[in-house]
Amino acid sequence: MRIFVAALGTETHSFSPIPTGIASFQEYLWFEPGSHPDEPRFFTGPLVAARARARAEGHVLVEGLQAFAAPAGPTTADAWARLRQRVLAELAAALPVDLVLLSLHGAMIAEGCEDCEGDLLTAVRELVGGATVVGAELDPHCHLTDRVLAAADLLVLYKEYPHTDTFERASELVELGLRAARGEIRPVMATADCRMIALFHTPREPVRGFVDRMKQLEGRDGILSISLAHGFPWGDVPDTGAKVLVVADGDRVRAQALAEGLAREVRAMRGDTTEPVLDLELGIERALAEPRGPVVIADTADNAGGGAPSDSTFLLAELLRRGVERACLGPLWDPVAVRFCHLAGPGARLRLRIGGKVGPVSGTPLDVEAQVIAVAREAKQRFGPGWTQLGDVAAIRVDGVEILLNATRTQAFDPALFTDHGIRLDDKKLVVVKSMQHFYAGFAPIATSVIWVNGPGALSQDFAALPYRRIRRPIWPLDPPELAFADRIGW
């Protein structure tokens, strides 16, 4: 069997001030064909899983570009045109193929193209024809559009948030894709629109039970795969919002009925799918009131994983104003400050202006007297089976707060973000992470408690206040349930 595999994507925050260009992909995740190691990275599970099957079963695997950019604002028209053409040219050169496997995000928006995945998959289908099986792995924070569904034979989404199952889902995609290409199954897909904008934290109930039930239903009565597309609330496109996807073996009626039944269950969970989120001051007060540490505070509104700058100073300024001791915070994106710390070296004391670089969503830059704890080049942090880039980093101490500065914008995933660079956590009262939920798998086991804070920033969870222009209405919570759910699915 001849298989083509490629990866291309990013998560687009429609309201982010940070542009996404070719360099954004090159600095975050970029592997030329054949250069990817056998250890998966965050978005390259299909490649690694397909390699293993090809070696074991004698398939011919043609590797295409593997490229992802950190979440930010829309991709430039030039970058999208070049990347799209690159992947399509590699596929055209590989033809004929029996199976196409793509790692995509599902919420990529470019200048002049609000459905990049639908555009790319449609072009792929035109190239390979109807007989070739086309499958893709998507992030659940995707916009599940009609063009995506029409062009693909098979879609598999991560089930967990934090996304700890990316490689497991990639292996599932490869297995189903091979079975479809051999003619053992005939996948058909059905969706039901929940008409909801929400976040879904899978470690907590009732979402935990819903995810477990999806897994239990798979492999029975012809059901091949079930996914909950959470949607990406900060992407302003018509298909923003949660949807249920069911893949069945040849029975679209059964798939549709199950999708609609599960969508009713999702609607019933509305308002109870995330941990409570506190405002900034209340969150800090509650953390300080805890008798023991470390208490982990998630600075959700400045999560680089959703397109925020990760350089906001609102929470840091409040810690310093209060004179909080035994605290740490990171990662704070500030390449200039990192550079100065590298020039000064460990142990140096220097005056720094940190954070607040991108715009009003970042707050005011802070002028501080800092001591350099440690510096490192091309640092990394683990997440799931792979790792992500931090770029050059510097750990500094400002009064009672230790701060991890980084040069490559990313969110907090793992405690090694701090401990690899001289910042201990076992003696901390407060550990502040710039992340919305992906930090949870790594930090929850070491925390006495976890507090989610929705301070000022680019990722406000007050969805009604976002300046949507393209989203299809009615939808909850922008509209009341009797309007949002007034369809045949019921509520």
Protein backbone atom coordinates (compact mmCIF):
# COMPACT_ATOMS: atom_id res chain seq x y z
CA MET A 1 0.00 0.00 0.00
CA ARG A 2 1.23 3.51 -0.83
CA ILE A 3 0.62 6.16 1.84
CA PHE A 4 1.20 9.92 1.90
CA VAL A 5 1.40 11.79 5.20
CA ALA A 6 1.84 15.50 5.97
CA ALA A 7 1.11 18.01 8.73
CA LEU A 8 0.04 21.64 8.35
CA GLY A 9 -1.85 23.88 10.73
CA THR A 10 -2.24 26.43 13.47
CA GLU A 11 -5.02 27.57 15.80
CA THR A 12 -6.20 31.03 14.77
CA HIS A 13 -7.39 33.63 17.26
CA SER A 14 -9.37 36.03 15.07
CA PHE A 15 -8.84 38.92 17.48
CA SER A 16 -5.14 38.36 18.28
CA PRO A 17 -2.75 41.18 17.32
CA ILE A 18 0.05 38.70 16.49
CA PRO A 19 0.36 37.87 12.77
CA THR A 20 1.25 34.37 11.57
CA GLY A 21 3.81 34.14 8.76
CA ILE A 22 6.17 31.52 7.35
CA ALA A 23 8.68 32.20 10.13
CA SER A 24 5.97 31.37 12.69
CA PHE A 25 5.88 27.81 11.34
CA GLN A 26 9.65 27.51 10.96
CA GLU A 27 10.34 28.46 14.58
CA TYR A 28 7.57 26.35 16.13
CA LEU A 29 7.43 23.03 14.23
CA TRP A 30 9.03 22.45 10.85
CA PHE A 31 10.43 19.17 9.54
CA GLU A 32 11.39 18.65 5.93
CA PRO A 33 10.31 15.30 4.43
CA GLY A 34 12.27 12.44 5.97
CA SER A 35 13.91 14.57 8.69
CA HIS A 36 11.43 13.96 11.52
CA PRO A 37 12.74 11.76 14.38
CA ASP A 38 10.82 8.66 15.45
CA GLU A 39 9.63 10.36 18.66
CA PRO A 40 6.34 12.18 18.00
CA ARG A 41 5.96 15.90 18.49
CA PHE A 42 2.69 17.50 19.52
CA PHE A 43 1.18 17.55 16.01
CA THR A 44 3.10 14.81 14.21
CA GLY A 45 1.49 11.67 15.58
CA PRO A 46 0.11 10.47 12.20
CA LEU A 47 3.60 10.50 10.69
CA VAL A 48 5.19 8.50 13.50
CA ALA A 49 2.29 6.04 13.72
CA ALA A 50 2.27 5.54 9.93
CA ARG A 51 6.04 4.97 9.92
CA ALA A 52 5.69 2.17 12.45
CA ARG A 53 2.94 0.47 10.44
CA ALA A 54 4.85 0.89 7.17
CA ARG A 55 7.94 -0.75 8.63
CA ALA A 56 5.97 -3.59 10.17
CA GLU A 57 3.73 -4.29 7.18
CA GLY A 58 5.83 -3.29 4.16
CA HIS A 59 3.85 -0.24 3.03
CA VAL A 60 5.49 2.51 1.00
CA LEU A 61 5.33 5.73 3.03
CA VAL A 62 5.86 9.06 1.30
CA GLU A 63 6.55 11.79 3.85
CA GLY A 64 5.54 15.37 3.18
CA LEU A 65 6.19 18.57 5.08
CA GLN A 66 5.43 18.64 8.81
CA ALA A 67 4.70 22.28 9.75
CA PHE A 68 2.70 23.92 12.53
CA ALA A 69 2.73 27.45 13.94
CA ALA A 70 1.97 28.54 17.49
CA PRO A 71 -1.57 29.86 17.93
CA ALA A 72 -1.85 33.54 16.99
CA GLY A 73 -3.73 35.81 14.61
CA PRO A 74 -4.66 34.92 11.01
CA THR A 75 -1.99 33.47 8.72
CA THR A 76 -0.87 35.85 6.00
CA ALA A 77 -2.22 35.22 2.50
CA ASP A 78 1.29 34.69 1.15
CA ALA A 79 2.23 32.17 3.83
CA TRP A 80 -0.98 30.20 3.33
CA ALA A 81 -0.58 30.11 -0.44
CA ARG A 82 3.02 28.91 -0.17
CA LEU A 83 2.33 26.25 2.47
CA ARG A 84 -0.80 24.98 0.73
CA GLN A 85 1.01 24.70 -2.59
CA ARG A 86 3.97 22.99 -0.94
CA VAL A 87 1.87 20.17 0.53
CA LEU A 88 -0.19 19.74 -2.64
CA ALA A 89 2.94 19.61 -4.81
CA GLU A 90 4.43 16.92 -2.58
CA LEU A 91 1.21 14.93 -2.80
CA ALA A 92 1.04 15.31 -6.59
CA ALA A 93 4.61 14.02 -6.88
CA ALA A 94 3.69 10.98 -4.76
CA LEU A 95 0.69 9.88 -6.83
CA PRO A 96 -0.83 7.39 -7.11
CA VAL A 97 -1.49 6.73 -3.43
CA ASP A 98 -3.98 4.49 -1.63
CA LEU A 99 -4.19 6.53 1.56
CA VAL A 100 -3.63 10.17 2.53
CA LEU A 101 -3.12 10.93 6.22
CA LEU A 102 -2.97 14.55 7.37
CA SER A 103 -2.35 16.17 10.74
CA LEU A 104 -4.37 19.38 10.74
CA HIS A 105 -5.71 21.62 13.46
CA GLY A 106 -9.19 22.51 12.24
CA ALA A 107 -9.25 26.16 13.34
CA MET A 108 -6.77 27.67 10.90
CA ILE A 109 -7.81 30.97 9.31
CA ALA A 110 -5.79 32.88 6.72
CA GLU A 111 -6.24 36.25 5.08
CA GLY A 112 -8.86 35.57 2.39
CA CYS A 113 -9.58 32.00 3.59
CA GLU A 114 -11.59 31.34 6.74
CA ASP A 115 -11.61 27.54 6.32
CA CYS A 116 -8.04 26.53 5.51
CA GLU A 117 -8.61 22.86 6.33
CA GLY A 118 -11.67 22.69 4.10
CA ASP A 119 -9.76 24.38 1.31
CA LEU A 120 -6.76 22.05 1.63
CA LEU A 121 -8.81 18.86 1.92
CA THR A 122 -10.93 19.82 -1.09
CA ALA A 123 -7.77 20.32 -3.15
CA VAL A 124 -6.39 17.00 -1.88
CA ARG A 125 -9.58 15.23 -2.93
CA GLU A 126 -9.40 16.79 -6.40
CA LEU A 127 -5.84 15.52 -6.77
CA VAL A 128 -6.32 11.93 -5.59
CA GLY A 129 -9.85 11.24 -6.83
CA GLY A 130 -12.66 9.38 -5.16
CA ALA A 131 -11.02 5.97 -4.73
CA THR A 132 -8.21 7.11 -2.42
CA VAL A 133 -8.98 7.20 1.30
CA VAL A 134 -8.37 10.64 2.84
CA GLY A 135 -8.14 10.88 6.61
CA ALA A 136 -7.11 13.58 9.06
CA GLU A 137 -6.43 14.01 12.76
CA LEU A 138 -7.88 17.23 14.19
CA ASP A 139 -7.60 19.14 17.44
CA PRO A 140 -11.00 19.19 19.21
CA HIS A 141 -10.79 23.00 19.22
CA CYS A 142 -11.68 22.92 15.55
CA HIS A 143 -14.41 24.33 13.32
CA LEU A 144 -16.01 21.24 11.81
CA THR A 145 -17.14 22.67 8.48
CA ASP A 146 -19.17 21.15 5.67
CA ARG A 147 -16.18 21.39 3.30
CA VAL A 148 -14.00 19.41 5.69
CA LEU A 149 -16.66 16.72 6.09
CA ALA A 150 -17.34 16.51 2.35
CA ALA A 151 -13.70 16.12 1.33
CA ALA A 152 -12.50 13.64 3.96
CA ASP A 153 -13.46 9.98 4.38
CA LEU A 154 -12.33 9.82 7.97
CA LEU A 155 -11.74 12.35 10.77
CA VAL A 156 -10.44 11.53 14.25
CA LEU A 157 -10.21 14.21 16.97
CA TYR A 158 -8.30 14.11 20.24
CA LYS A 159 -10.69 13.27 23.05
CA GLU A 160 -8.80 14.75 25.99
CA TYR A 161 -8.31 18.34 27.14
CA PRO A 162 -5.46 18.61 28.13
CA HIS A 163 -4.56 16.90 24.84
CA THR A 164 -2.69 13.95 26.32
CA ASP A 165 -3.99 11.45 23.76
CA THR A 166 -2.70 12.92 20.49
CA PHE A 167 -0.58 9.88 19.61
CA GLU A 168 -3.29 7.44 20.66
CA ARG A 169 -5.74 9.17 18.33
CA ALA A 170 -3.13 9.29 15.55
CA SER A 171 -2.69 5.53 15.83
CA GLU A 172 -6.48 5.16 15.64
CA LEU A 173 -6.55 7.27 12.47
CA VAL A 174 -3.84 5.15 10.84
CA GLU A 175 -5.57 1.89 11.78
CA LEU A 176 -8.96 2.98 10.44
CA GLY A 177 -7.37 4.49 7.34
CA LEU A 178 -5.57 1.25 6.51
CA ARG A 179 -8.72 -0.79 7.08
CA ALA A 180 -10.69 1.54 4.81
CA ALA A 181 -8.02 1.41 2.09
CA ARG A 182 -8.11 -2.41 2.23
CA GLY A 183 -11.89 -2.34 1.85
CA GLU A 184 -12.54 -3.89 5.27
CA ILE A 185 -14.68 -0.95 6.38
CA ARG A 186 -16.60 1.82 4.61
CA PRO A 187 -16.48 4.86 6.91
CA VAL A 188 -19.35 7.36 6.73
CA MET A 189 -19.54 10.46 8.93
CA ALA A 190 -22.42 12.30 10.57
CA THR A 191 -22.46 15.40 12.77
CA ALA A 192 -24.85 17.19 15.10
CA ASP A 193 -24.41 20.87 15.92
CA CYS A 194 -24.75 21.56 19.65
CA ARG A 195 -25.16 25.33 19.01
CA MET A 196 -22.93 26.07 22.00
CA ILE A 197 -19.77 28.05 22.63
CA ALA A 198 -18.03 26.46 25.59
CA LEU A 199 -14.82 25.00 26.97
CA PHE A 200 -14.76 21.34 28.01
CA HIS A 201 -12.33 20.26 30.75
CA THR A 202 -12.19 16.49 30.35
CA PRO A 203 -10.69 15.59 33.77
CA ARG A 204 -13.83 16.86 35.55
CA GLU A 205 -17.41 15.63 35.61
CA PRO A 206 -19.73 15.66 33.77
CA VAL A 207 -17.34 15.90 30.81
CA ARG A 208 -15.18 13.01 32.07
CA GLY A 209 -18.14 10.66 32.02
CA PHE A 210 -19.18 11.83 28.55
CA VAL A 211 -15.71 11.14 27.11
CA ASP A 212 -15.62 7.70 28.72
CA ARG A 213 -19.04 6.94 27.24
CA MET A 214 -17.86 7.94 23.76
CA LYS A 215 -15.03 5.43 24.10
CA GLN A 216 -17.38 2.69 25.30
CA LEU A 217 -19.66 3.16 22.28
CA GLU A 218 -16.79 2.78 19.80
CA GLY A 219 -16.30 -0.65 18.28
CA ARG A 220 -19.93 -1.65 18.84
CA ASP A 221 -22.87 -1.80 16.41
CA GLY A 222 -20.73 -0.59 13.51
CA ILE A 223 -19.56 2.59 15.27
CA LEU A 224 -15.90 3.19 14.37
CA SER A 225 -15.11 6.48 16.09
CA ILE A 226 -16.83 9.24 18.08
CA SER A 227 -15.46 12.72 18.71
CA LEU A 228 -16.61 15.87 20.44
CA ALA A 229 -15.45 18.95 18.54
CA HIS A 230 -15.25 21.56 21.30
CA GLY A 231 -14.86 24.40 18.80
CA PHE A 232 -12.49 27.33 19.26
CA PRO A 233 -14.43 30.24 20.79
CA TRP A 234 -11.92 32.90 19.68
CA GLY A 235 -12.20 31.97 16.00
CA ASP A 236 -14.81 34.20 14.36
CA VAL A 237 -16.21 31.98 11.60
CA PRO A 238 -19.74 30.69 10.87
CA ASP A 239 -18.98 27.20 12.23
CA THR A 240 -17.62 28.28 15.62
CA GLY A 241 -19.10 26.07 18.34
CA ALA A 242 -19.34 22.51 19.62
CA LYS A 243 -20.37 19.59 17.40
CA VAL A 244 -20.53 15.84 17.79
CA LEU A 245 -18.93 13.68 15.07
CA VAL A 246 -19.73 9.99 14.61
CA VAL A 247 -17.96 7.73 12.12
CA ALA A 248 -19.83 4.50 11.32
CA ASP A 249 -19.16 1.55 9.04
CA GLY A 250 -21.52 2.19 6.12
CA ASP A 251 -24.58 3.16 8.19
CA ARG A 252 -25.07 6.93 8.00
CA VAL A 253 -28.56 6.75 9.53
CA ARG A 254 -27.20 5.06 12.67
CA ALA A 255 -24.35 7.54 12.81
CA GLN A 256 -26.70 10.52 12.55
CA ALA A 257 -29.04 9.22 15.23
CA LEU A 258 -26.16 8.64 17.65
CA ALA A 259 -24.63 12.05 16.92
CA GLU A 260 -27.94 13.78 17.70
CA GLY A 261 -28.44 11.81 20.89
CA LEU A 262 -24.95 12.71 22.11
CA ALA A 263 -25.50 16.36 21.16
CA ARG A 264 -28.51 16.41 23.50
CA GLU A 265 -26.22 15.20 26.29
CA VAL A 266 -23.70 17.94 25.52
CA ARG A 267 -26.40 20.59 25.67
CA ALA A 268 -27.51 19.29 29.03
CA MET A 269 -23.98 19.89 30.37
CA ARG A 270 -23.98 23.59 29.45
CA GLY A 271 -22.64 25.84 32.17
CA ASP A 272 -20.92 22.94 33.94
CA THR A 273 -18.10 21.92 31.59
CA THR A 274 -15.18 23.79 33.17
CA GLU A 275 -13.74 24.45 36.58
CA PRO A 276 -14.90 27.70 38.22
CA VAL A 277 -12.91 30.69 36.95
CA LEU A 278 -12.23 33.59 39.33
CA ASP A 279 -11.28 37.18 38.67
CA LEU A 280 -7.64 38.09 39.22
CA GLU A 281 -7.78 39.60 42.70
CA LEU A 282 -10.13 36.99 44.14
CA GLY A 283 -8.01 34.21 42.66
CA ILE A 284 -4.85 35.52 44.32
CA GLU A 285 -6.63 36.03 47.65
CA ARG A 286 -7.99 32.50 47.60
CA ALA A 287 -4.57 31.09 46.73
CA LEU A 288 -2.87 33.01 49.55
CA ALA A 289 -5.51 31.78 51.98
CA GLU A 290 -4.63 28.14 51.31
CA PRO A 291 -2.72 26.71 54.31
CA ARG A 292 -0.15 24.85 52.23
CA GLY A 293 1.47 25.17 48.82
CA PRO A 294 2.19 24.97 46.09
CA VAL A 295 -1.10 26.41 44.89
CA VAL A 296 -1.17 26.52 41.08
CA ILE A 297 -2.85 29.55 39.50
CA ALA A 298 -3.69 29.36 35.79
CA ASP A 299 -3.50 32.74 34.05
CA THR A 300 -6.02 31.63 31.43
CA ALA A 301 -6.45 34.93 29.61
CA ASP A 302 -2.77 35.04 28.63
CA ASN A 303 -2.49 31.49 27.29
CA ALA A 304 -0.18 31.36 24.26
CA GLY A 305 -1.85 28.06 23.38
CA GLY A 306 -4.97 30.03 22.39
CA GLY A 307 -3.19 32.85 20.55
CA ALA A 308 -2.56 35.22 23.48
CA PRO A 309 0.82 36.98 23.66
CA SER A 310 1.92 35.34 26.95
CA ASP A 311 3.55 38.61 27.96
CA SER A 312 0.80 40.18 30.07
CA THR A 313 1.84 41.75 33.35
CA PHE A 314 -1.51 42.07 35.15
CA LEU A 315 -1.06 39.09 37.45
CA LEU A 316 2.69 39.59 37.97
CA ALA A 317 2.18 43.25 38.86
CA GLU A 318 -0.39 42.28 41.49
CA LEU A 319 1.96 39.72 43.07
CA LEU A 320 4.72 42.32 43.28
CA ARG A 321 2.36 44.99 44.59
CA ARG A 322 1.25 42.67 47.38
CA GLY A 323 4.84 41.71 48.21
CA VAL A 324 4.07 38.02 47.75
CA GLU A 325 6.94 35.71 48.73
CA ARG A 326 7.77 32.19 47.55
CA ALA A 327 6.06 32.54 44.19
CA CYS A 328 7.02 31.80 40.59
CA LEU A 329 5.46 32.63 37.22
CA GLY A 330 5.98 31.52 33.64
CA PRO A 331 6.49 31.39 30.84
CA LEU A 332 6.59 35.15 30.25
CA TRP A 333 7.39 35.78 26.58
CA ASP A 334 10.06 38.48 26.28
CA PRO A 335 12.88 37.77 23.79
CA VAL A 336 14.54 41.14 24.50
CA ALA A 337 14.75 40.54 28.25
CA VAL A 338 16.01 37.01 27.62
CA ARG A 339 18.77 38.40 25.42
CA PHE A 340 19.85 40.88 28.10
CA CYS A 341 19.95 38.13 30.74
CA HIS A 342 22.13 35.96 28.50
CA LEU A 343 24.51 38.88 28.02
CA ALA A 344 24.68 39.48 31.79
CA GLY A 345 24.93 35.82 32.78
CA PRO A 346 23.83 33.85 35.88
CA GLY A 347 24.23 35.69 39.16
CA ALA A 348 24.11 39.13 37.57
CA ARG A 349 21.84 41.87 38.85
CA LEU A 350 20.37 44.21 36.27
CA ARG A 351 17.49 46.52 35.57
CA LEU A 352 14.99 45.01 33.15
CA ARG A 353 11.79 46.10 31.48
CA ILE A 354 9.72 42.91 31.20
CA GLY A 355 6.41 42.01 29.57
CA GLY A 356 3.70 44.27 28.21
CA LYS A 357 5.21 44.43 24.72
CA VAL A 358 2.37 43.45 22.36
CA GLY A 359 -0.38 45.96 23.17
CA PRO A 360 -3.21 46.81 25.58
CA VAL A 361 -4.06 43.12 26.11
CA SER A 362 -0.58 42.72 27.61
CA GLY A 363 -0.77 45.44 30.24
CA THR A 364 2.03 47.86 31.11
CA PRO A 365 5.70 46.84 30.93
CA LEU A 366 7.27 46.40 34.36
CA ASP A 367 10.58 48.05 35.23
CA VAL A 368 12.27 45.76 37.77
CA GLU A 369 15.53 45.05 39.53
CA ALA A 370 16.26 41.43 38.67
CA GLN A 371 18.80 38.79 39.60
CA VAL A 372 19.58 36.22 36.91
CA ILE A 373 19.19 32.69 38.30
CA ALA A 374 19.99 30.72 35.12
CA VAL A 375 20.05 30.94 31.34
CA ALA A 376 19.74 28.25 28.65
CA ARG A 377 19.71 27.96 24.87
CA GLU A 378 16.96 26.19 22.91
CA ALA A 379 15.12 24.89 25.97
CA LYS A 380 12.23 22.44 25.70
CA GLN A 381 9.38 21.13 27.83
CA ARG A 382 7.59 17.82 27.57
CA PHE A 383 3.92 17.35 26.80
CA GLY A 384 2.49 13.87 26.35
CA PRO A 385 4.84 11.65 24.33
CA GLY A 386 6.72 14.57 22.76
CA TRP A 387 8.07 18.01 23.57
CA THR A 388 7.62 21.65 22.59
CA GLN A 389 10.05 24.53 22.09
CA LEU A 390 10.68 27.24 24.67
CA GLY A 391 13.56 28.80 22.75
CA ASP A 392 16.24 30.59 24.73
CA VAL A 393 15.19 31.12 28.35
CA ALA A 394 16.24 33.04 31.43
CA ALA A 395 15.15 32.48 35.02
CA ILE A 396 15.14 35.65 37.11
CA ARG A 397 14.23 36.68 40.64
CA VAL A 398 12.33 39.91 41.34
CA ASP A 399 11.72 40.43 45.05
CA GLY A 400 9.84 37.31 46.19
CA VAL A 401 8.84 36.13 42.70
CA GLU A 402 10.91 33.94 40.36
CA ILE A 403 10.04 34.32 36.69
CA LEU A 404 10.79 32.11 33.70
CA LEU A 405 11.30 34.31 30.61
CA ASN A 406 11.26 32.64 27.19
CA ALA A 407 12.03 33.67 23.61
CA THR A 408 9.72 31.28 21.71
CA ARG A 409 6.09 31.95 22.58
CA THR A 410 4.38 28.93 24.14
CA GLN A 411 2.31 27.98 27.16
CA ALA A 412 3.16 26.06 30.35
CA PHE A 413 2.92 22.27 30.06
CA ASP A 414 5.26 20.66 32.56
CA PRO A 415 6.90 21.52 35.92
CA ALA A 416 10.29 21.13 34.23
CA LEU A 417 9.50 24.52 32.70
CA PHE A 418 10.70 25.85 36.06
CA THR A 419 12.80 23.10 37.64
CA ASP A 420 15.10 22.64 34.64
CA HIS A 421 16.19 26.26 35.11
CA GLY A 422 16.87 26.57 38.81
CA ILE A 423 13.36 27.43 40.02
CA ARG A 424 12.29 24.99 42.74
CA LEU A 425 8.61 24.26 43.21
CA ASP A 426 8.61 22.31 46.46
CA ASP A 427 9.27 25.48 48.47
CA LYS A 428 6.72 27.66 46.64
CA LYS A 429 3.46 29.00 47.98
CA LEU A 430 2.19 30.08 44.53
CA VAL A 431 3.01 28.73 41.07
CA VAL A 432 1.48 30.85 38.29
CA VAL A 433 1.29 29.23 34.85
CA LYS A 434 0.32 30.96 31.64
CA SER A 435 -2.00 28.29 30.31
CA MET A 436 -5.72 27.55 30.18
CA GLN A 437 -5.87 23.77 30.66
CA HIS A 438 -2.87 21.97 29.14
CA PHE A 439 -0.84 22.65 32.27
CA TYR A 440 -3.18 20.43 34.27
CA ALA A 441 -1.70 17.02 33.39
CA GLY A 442 1.76 18.07 34.57
CA PHE A 443 1.03 20.47 37.42
CA ALA A 444 -2.08 19.05 39.12
CA PRO A 445 -0.15 16.10 40.65
CA ILE A 446 2.22 18.48 42.50
CA ALA A 447 -0.42 21.06 43.52
CA THR A 448 -2.26 21.25 46.82
CA SER A 449 -4.99 23.05 44.84
CA VAL A 450 -5.51 24.56 41.39
CA ILE A 451 -7.19 27.92 40.76
CA TRP A 452 -8.23 29.17 37.32
CA VAL A 453 -8.09 32.97 36.93
CA ASN A 454 -9.70 34.98 34.12
CA GLY A 455 -7.91 38.30 34.38
CA PRO A 456 -7.50 40.89 31.65
CA GLY A 457 -5.97 39.55 28.44
CA ALA A 458 -6.51 38.30 24.92
CA LEU A 459 -8.43 35.14 25.90
CA SER A 460 -11.33 36.51 27.89
CA GLN A 461 -13.91 33.83 28.66
CA ASP A 462 -16.68 36.41 28.56
CA PHE A 463 -17.75 35.21 25.12
CA ALA A 464 -20.65 37.67 24.94
CA ALA A 465 -18.11 40.52 25.00
CA LEU A 466 -16.10 39.25 22.01
CA PRO A 467 -16.57 41.31 18.82
CA TYR A 468 -17.95 38.46 16.68
CA ARG A 469 -18.99 39.38 13.15
CA ARG A 470 -19.01 36.04 11.30
CA ILE A 471 -20.35 33.54 13.83
CA ARG A 472 -23.73 32.00 12.97
CA ARG A 473 -26.52 32.95 15.38
CA PRO A 474 -28.42 31.98 17.43
CA ILE A 475 -25.91 30.18 19.65
CA TRP A 476 -25.66 29.73 23.42
CA PRO A 477 -24.56 31.65 25.54
CA LEU A 478 -24.82 34.60 23.16
CA ASP A 479 -28.51 33.76 22.80
CA PRO A 480 -30.96 32.11 25.22
CA PRO A 481 -31.40 28.31 25.05
CA GLU A 482 -34.92 28.52 23.63
CA LEU A 483 -33.48 30.25 20.56
CA ALA A 484 -30.10 28.50 20.29
CA PHE A 485 -31.57 25.00 20.63
CA ALA A 486 -34.76 25.50 18.64
CA ASP A 487 -34.06 22.68 16.17
CA ARG A 488 -34.93 19.04 15.75
CA ILE A 489 -32.19 17.84 18.11
CA GLY A 490 -34.12 19.17 21.09
CA TRP A 491 -32.66 20.14 24.44
